[in-house]
Protein backbone atom coordinates (compact mmCIF):
# COMPACT_ATOMS: atom_id res chain seq x y z
CA MET A 1 -4.42 -35.86 -23.50
CA LYS A 2 -4.26 -33.15 -20.77
CA LYS A 3 -6.73 -30.51 -21.05
CA THR A 4 -5.39 -26.84 -20.58
CA THR A 5 -7.11 -23.63 -19.57
CA SER A 6 -7.82 -20.93 -22.15
CA PRO A 7 -8.93 -17.30 -21.26
CA ARG A 8 -12.43 -18.43 -22.67
CA ASP A 9 -12.65 -20.94 -19.90
CA ILE A 10 -12.40 -18.14 -17.17
CA VAL A 11 -15.77 -16.70 -16.34
CA TYR A 12 -16.65 -14.17 -13.65
CA ARG A 13 -17.45 -16.31 -10.57
CA MET A 14 -17.43 -15.39 -6.76
CA ILE A 15 -18.54 -18.03 -4.60
CA ILE A 16 -18.17 -17.39 -0.78
CA PRO A 17 -19.67 -20.43 1.16
CA ARG A 18 -21.29 -20.01 4.60
CA GLY A 19 -18.76 -20.28 7.31
CA SER A 20 -16.27 -18.00 5.50
CA ARG A 21 -15.41 -14.80 7.09
CA GLU A 22 -14.04 -11.65 5.55
CA ARG A 23 -12.97 -8.31 7.04
CA PHE A 24 -12.55 -5.06 4.76
CA LEU A 25 -10.20 -2.34 5.31
CA PRO A 26 -11.91 1.05 5.73
CA ARG A 27 -9.96 2.60 3.01
CA LEU A 28 -11.88 5.89 2.66
CA HIS A 29 -11.13 6.68 6.39
CA PRO A 30 -8.14 8.99 6.88
CA ASN A 31 -6.38 6.29 8.81
CA CYS A 32 -5.69 4.51 5.50
CA ARG A 33 -4.38 7.58 3.66
CA SER A 34 -0.82 5.84 3.37
CA LEU A 35 -2.40 2.99 1.50
CA THR A 36 -4.89 4.76 -0.66
CA GLU A 37 -1.99 7.05 -1.95
CA PHE A 38 -0.12 3.79 -2.76
CA GLY A 39 -3.14 2.83 -5.03
CA VAL A 40 -5.11 0.41 -2.81
CA THR A 41 -8.62 0.29 -4.01
CA MET A 42 -9.88 -2.47 -1.72
CA ALA A 43 -8.18 -4.76 0.75
CA GLY A 44 -9.02 -7.19 3.60
CA THR A 45 -8.45 -10.50 5.17
CA SER A 46 -10.34 -13.75 4.31
CA GLU A 47 -10.93 -17.00 5.95
CA VAL A 48 -12.74 -19.17 3.63
CA VAL A 49 -13.82 -22.75 3.62
CA PRO A 50 -14.35 -25.44 0.86
CA GLY A 51 -16.17 -24.18 -2.02
CA TYR A 52 -14.67 -20.68 -2.20
CA THR A 53 -13.89 -19.74 -5.71
CA MET A 54 -13.04 -16.38 -7.41
CA GLY A 55 -12.89 -16.07 -11.10
CA ARG A 56 -11.95 -13.08 -13.13
CA PRO A 57 -11.98 -13.11 -17.00
CA GLU A 58 -10.71 -9.47 -17.35
CA PRO A 59 -9.74 -8.03 -13.82
CA PRO A 60 -9.50 -4.16 -13.92
CA PHE A 61 -7.06 -4.09 -11.07
CA HIS A 62 -4.02 -5.83 -9.89
CA VAL A 63 -4.15 -8.37 -6.96
CA PHE A 64 -1.43 -8.82 -4.16
CA LEU A 65 -2.40 -11.94 -2.09
CA PHE A 66 -0.46 -13.20 0.98
CA THR A 67 -1.41 -16.59 2.28
CA ARG A 68 -1.32 -17.02 6.11
CA SER A 69 -2.27 -20.61 6.38
CA GLY A 70 -3.94 -23.29 4.29
CA ARG A 71 -3.56 -23.64 0.60
CA ALA A 72 -5.28 -22.90 -2.78
CA GLU A 73 -4.47 -23.02 -6.51
CA ILE A 74 -4.83 -20.62 -9.36
CA ARG A 75 -5.43 -21.52 -12.89
CA PHE A 76 -4.82 -19.23 -15.86
CA ALA A 77 -3.74 -19.51 -19.59
CA ASP A 78 -2.47 -23.27 -19.69
CA LYS A 79 -1.09 -23.19 -16.17
CA LYS A 80 -2.15 -24.07 -12.78
CA LEU A 81 -0.04 -23.17 -9.79
CA ALA A 82 -0.42 -24.18 -6.08
CA ILE A 83 -0.92 -21.51 -3.68
CA PRO A 84 0.87 -22.59 -0.42
CA SER A 85 0.97 -21.13 3.13
CA GLY A 86 3.74 -18.46 3.32
CA SER A 87 3.25 -17.45 -0.35
CA PHE A 88 2.95 -13.96 -2.03
CA LEU A 89 0.90 -14.12 -5.19
CA ILE A 90 0.87 -11.07 -7.82
CA ALA A 91 -1.90 -11.21 -10.31
CA PRO A 92 -1.56 -8.09 -12.92
CA THR A 93 -4.47 -6.54 -14.49
CA LYS A 94 -6.34 -8.09 -17.61
CA ILE A 95 -4.95 -11.59 -17.06
CA PRO A 96 -7.86 -14.01 -16.77
CA TYR A 97 -7.63 -16.25 -13.89
CA GLU A 98 -9.46 -18.25 -11.22
CA TYR A 99 -8.30 -19.26 -7.66
CA THR A 100 -10.09 -21.62 -5.34
CA ILE A 101 -9.30 -23.19 -1.96
CA VAL A 102 -7.69 -26.70 -1.69
CA GLY A 103 -8.20 -28.34 1.61
CA ARG A 104 -10.28 -27.42 4.69
CA ARG A 105 -9.37 -23.74 5.29
CA TRP A 106 -7.70 -20.99 3.65
CA ASP A 107 -6.60 -17.71 5.47
CA PHE A 108 -5.09 -14.91 3.40
CA VAL A 109 -4.74 -11.01 3.14
CA TRP A 110 -5.54 -9.37 -0.29
CA PHE A 111 -5.11 -5.94 -2.00
CA HIS A 112 -6.60 -4.65 -5.16
CA LEU A 113 -4.45 -2.03 -6.62
CA ALA A 114 -5.37 0.60 -9.25
CA ALA A 115 -4.31 -0.04 -12.84
CA ASN A 116 -2.66 3.54 -12.94
CA ARG A 117 0.53 4.97 -13.86
CA TYR A 118 2.33 4.07 -10.72
CA TRP A 119 1.60 0.41 -11.36
CA SER A 120 2.07 0.48 -15.06
CA TRP A 121 5.19 -1.72 -14.85
CA LEU A 122 3.03 -4.64 -13.51
CA GLU A 123 1.11 -4.78 -16.83
CA LYS A 124 4.07 -6.33 -18.55
CA LYS A 125 4.39 -9.14 -15.87
CA PRO A 126 2.79 -12.58 -15.94
CA ILE A 127 1.11 -13.99 -12.89
CA MET A 128 4.04 -14.47 -10.31
CA LEU A 129 4.16 -16.54 -6.99
CA MET A 130 6.88 -16.47 -4.51
CA ARG A 131 7.71 -17.29 -0.93
CA SER A 132 7.31 -14.29 1.50
CA ASP A 133 8.35 -13.92 5.19
CA ALA A 134 5.84 -11.02 5.45
CA HIS A 135 2.50 -12.88 5.54
CA GLU A 136 2.12 -12.82 9.43
CA LEU A 137 3.14 -9.41 9.68
CA ILE A 138 0.64 -8.15 6.86
CA ASP A 139 -2.04 -10.00 8.39
CA THR A 140 -1.43 -8.45 11.98
CA LEU A 141 -1.31 -5.01 10.47
CA MET A 142 -4.33 -5.42 8.44
CA LYS A 143 -6.44 -6.54 11.39
CA THR A 144 -4.94 -3.77 13.52
CA ILE A 145 -6.01 -1.16 11.02
CA ILE A 146 -9.42 -2.48 10.90
CA THR A 147 -9.91 -3.03 14.58
CA ALA A 148 -8.40 0.21 15.64
CA THR A 149 -10.40 2.28 13.12
CA LEU A 150 -13.63 0.74 14.20
CA ALA A 151 -12.65 1.71 17.80
CA ALA A 152 -13.15 5.28 16.64
CA ASP A 153 -11.29 7.16 19.39
CA PRO A 154 -8.12 9.23 19.08
CA ALA A 155 -5.62 6.93 20.45
CA SER A 156 -6.94 4.12 18.18
CA ASN A 157 -6.66 6.26 15.22
CA VAL A 158 -2.97 6.86 15.84
CA VAL A 159 -2.44 3.19 16.03
CA ALA A 160 -4.33 2.54 12.81
CA GLN A 161 -2.22 5.23 11.02
CA SER A 162 0.94 3.98 12.14
CA ALA A 163 0.03 0.56 11.03
CA SER A 164 -1.17 1.67 7.75
CA THR A 165 2.08 3.51 7.24
CA LEU A 166 4.14 0.38 8.18
CA MET A 167 1.94 -1.73 5.87
CA ARG A 168 2.90 0.53 2.91
CA SER A 169 6.57 0.13 3.67
CA VAL A 170 6.28 -3.65 3.88
CA LEU A 171 4.51 -3.88 0.62
CA GLU A 172 6.88 -1.66 -1.25
CA ARG A 173 9.86 -3.82 0.22
CA GLU A 174 7.95 -7.01 -1.05
CA ILE A 175 7.67 -5.65 -4.62
CA ARG A 176 10.86 -3.82 -4.92
CA ASP A 177 12.90 -6.50 -6.98
CA PHE A 178 9.98 -7.00 -9.58
CA ARG A 179 10.27 -3.53 -11.09
CA GLU A 180 11.88 -3.26 -14.69
CA PRO A 181 15.35 -2.97 -14.64
CA PRO A 182 15.43 0.57 -16.37
CA ASP A 183 13.33 2.02 -13.65
CA LYS A 184 15.88 1.13 -11.02
CA GLN A 185 18.28 4.07 -11.75
CA LYS A 186 15.14 6.59 -11.75
CA HIS A 187 13.94 5.01 -8.40
CA ALA A 188 17.44 5.51 -7.00
CA VAL A 189 17.52 9.25 -7.90
CA MET A 190 13.99 9.67 -6.35
CA HIS A 191 14.98 7.78 -3.13
CA THR A 192 18.31 10.04 -2.99
CA LEU A 193 16.06 13.14 -3.30
CA ALA A 194 13.59 11.80 -0.53
CA ASP A 195 16.72 11.19 1.83
CA GLU A 196 17.88 14.77 1.03
CA MET A 197 14.48 16.30 1.84
CA SER A 198 13.89 14.25 4.98
CA SER A 199 17.21 15.38 6.39
CA LYS A 200 16.32 19.14 5.72
CA LEU A 201 12.70 19.22 6.42
CA ASP A 202 13.06 22.60 7.95
CA GLN A 203 14.07 24.12 4.55
CA GLN A 204 11.80 25.24 1.86
CA TRP A 205 11.48 22.73 -1.07
CA THR A 206 10.16 24.10 -4.27
CA LEU A 207 9.64 21.96 -7.47
CA GLU A 208 12.47 24.00 -8.95
CA ARG A 209 14.93 23.04 -6.24
CA MET A 210 13.90 19.45 -6.12
CA ALA A 211 14.27 19.15 -10.03
CA GLU A 212 17.67 20.85 -9.86
CA PHE A 213 18.92 18.53 -7.19
CA SER A 214 17.82 15.59 -9.22
CA GLY A 215 19.24 16.91 -12.48
CA VAL A 216 15.91 16.55 -14.42
CA SER A 217 13.06 18.80 -15.57
CA LYS A 218 10.27 19.70 -13.51
CA ARG A 219 7.99 17.69 -15.82
CA GLU A 220 10.36 14.64 -15.64
CA LEU A 221 10.61 14.92 -11.80
CA ASN A 222 6.79 14.92 -11.56
CA ARG A 223 6.66 11.74 -13.75
CA MET A 224 9.39 9.96 -11.60
CA ALA A 225 7.73 10.88 -8.42
CA LEU A 226 4.53 9.47 -9.47
CA ASP A 227 6.18 6.22 -10.77
CA THR A 228 8.34 5.77 -7.49
CA PHE A 229 6.04 7.04 -4.72
CA GLY A 230 2.51 7.27 -6.47
CA ALA A 231 2.47 11.04 -5.47
CA SER A 232 3.58 14.42 -6.92
CA PRO A 233 6.87 15.72 -5.56
CA LEU A 234 5.19 18.32 -3.42
CA ALA A 235 2.63 15.70 -1.92
CA CYS A 236 5.78 13.67 -0.98
CA ILE A 237 7.56 16.41 0.75
CA THR A 238 4.26 17.10 2.68
CA ARG A 239 3.86 13.56 3.57
CA PHE A 240 7.53 13.44 4.88
CA ARG A 241 6.98 16.68 7.06
CA MET A 242 3.74 15.11 8.58
CA GLU A 243 5.56 11.73 9.31
CA ARG A 244 8.34 13.71 11.01
CA ALA A 245 5.86 15.84 12.81
CA ARG A 246 3.99 12.76 14.22
CA GLU A 247 7.11 11.40 15.51
CA LEU A 248 8.06 14.68 17.20
CA LEU A 249 4.83 14.99 18.73
CA LYS A 250 4.75 11.40 20.13
CA ASN A 251 8.14 11.48 21.36
CA SER A 252 9.24 14.86 22.50
CA ASP A 253 8.00 17.88 24.52
CA TYR A 254 8.72 20.52 21.92
CA ARG A 255 6.04 23.27 21.57
CA ILE A 256 3.78 22.84 18.52
CA LEU A 257 5.14 26.10 17.19
CA ASP A 258 8.71 24.59 17.34
CA ILE A 259 7.58 21.39 15.67
CA ALA A 260 6.05 23.36 12.96
CA GLY A 261 9.42 25.28 12.28
CA MET A 262 11.35 21.89 12.27
CA VAL A 263 9.26 20.46 9.56
CA GLY A 264 9.26 23.49 7.34
CA TYR A 265 6.23 25.81 8.41
CA THR A 266 6.71 29.29 9.60
CA ASP A 267 3.08 29.59 10.54
CA GLU A 268 1.70 27.29 13.17
CA PHE A 269 -1.91 27.72 11.82
CA ALA A 270 -0.89 26.55 8.27
CA PHE A 271 1.00 23.53 10.02
CA SER A 272 -1.99 22.58 12.21
CA ALA A 273 -4.25 22.69 9.08
CA ALA A 274 -2.11 20.61 6.96
CA PHE A 275 -1.48 18.22 9.86
CA LYS A 276 -5.23 17.62 10.37
CA ARG A 277 -5.88 17.30 6.78
CA ILE A 278 -3.24 14.54 6.52
CA VAL A 279 -3.61 12.85 9.70
CA GLY A 280 -7.28 13.51 10.50
CA LEU A 281 -6.43 15.04 14.06
CA SER A 282 -5.04 18.52 15.09
CA PRO A 283 -1.52 18.34 16.36
CA LYS A 284 -2.86 19.00 19.92
CA LYS A 285 -5.30 16.10 19.91
CA PHE A 286 -2.95 13.86 18.23
CA ARG A 287 -0.41 14.47 20.99
CA SER A 288 -2.82 13.93 23.76
CA ALA A 289 -3.87 10.61 22.31
CA LYS A 290 -0.38 9.25 22.59
């Protein structure tokens, strides 16, 4: 009779044999703000050898795992799944599991995501495994963020921030089809609002105006923004303004005062202070680093 795995069989286990190599995302650095706002609490790349095992009887976070090369397997409940090269694994919080390398080497990129409201829809999901064409790009972006941040110079910081923003977009694309169907209409409303705000960044966007445009209450708008973007509506518009400002600073010769007006600031000092808080560099230093 085939023996199955029960949750009681899973114990906390972390075995990282000599010869393995791991690199960690410096998530507290301003370069990684896009990812921390997305809910990433820890992330990195791992290149492991035989003997590597990770067991979590009650994980307090969600795990995304992209396999670049090699293979592994994960066991949970009464199942055992192969984790092949080119796959994307989602392991929601609180589901006991253990994964281990199969073969001579396993290279993968992993993310721990907070079990917060933004990711609450994942708590209803089982462990999922699917093919992904993003594993090479995810690996390249992760290594770029880590290496550029360690370089600790303005030009490298710009590269790391751009890679972090792109990484978030790629992750959002990868999980887009796994949300609950009732959420899709709300996400569509929020993305329509985001498109409208992005096309009119020079205008003033109050919470009242956003709610009126979306046809919902301010309280509901705040909840929908947190569920869709992981941030409040006002934090979202600030992020859109800074992303546009970065593009203009890199790709145009407009004066900083003019760029401030284009993204909704009537005061250059207020714009510069907000830009430095979000990006980590003043507009002038950011432009000189390009």
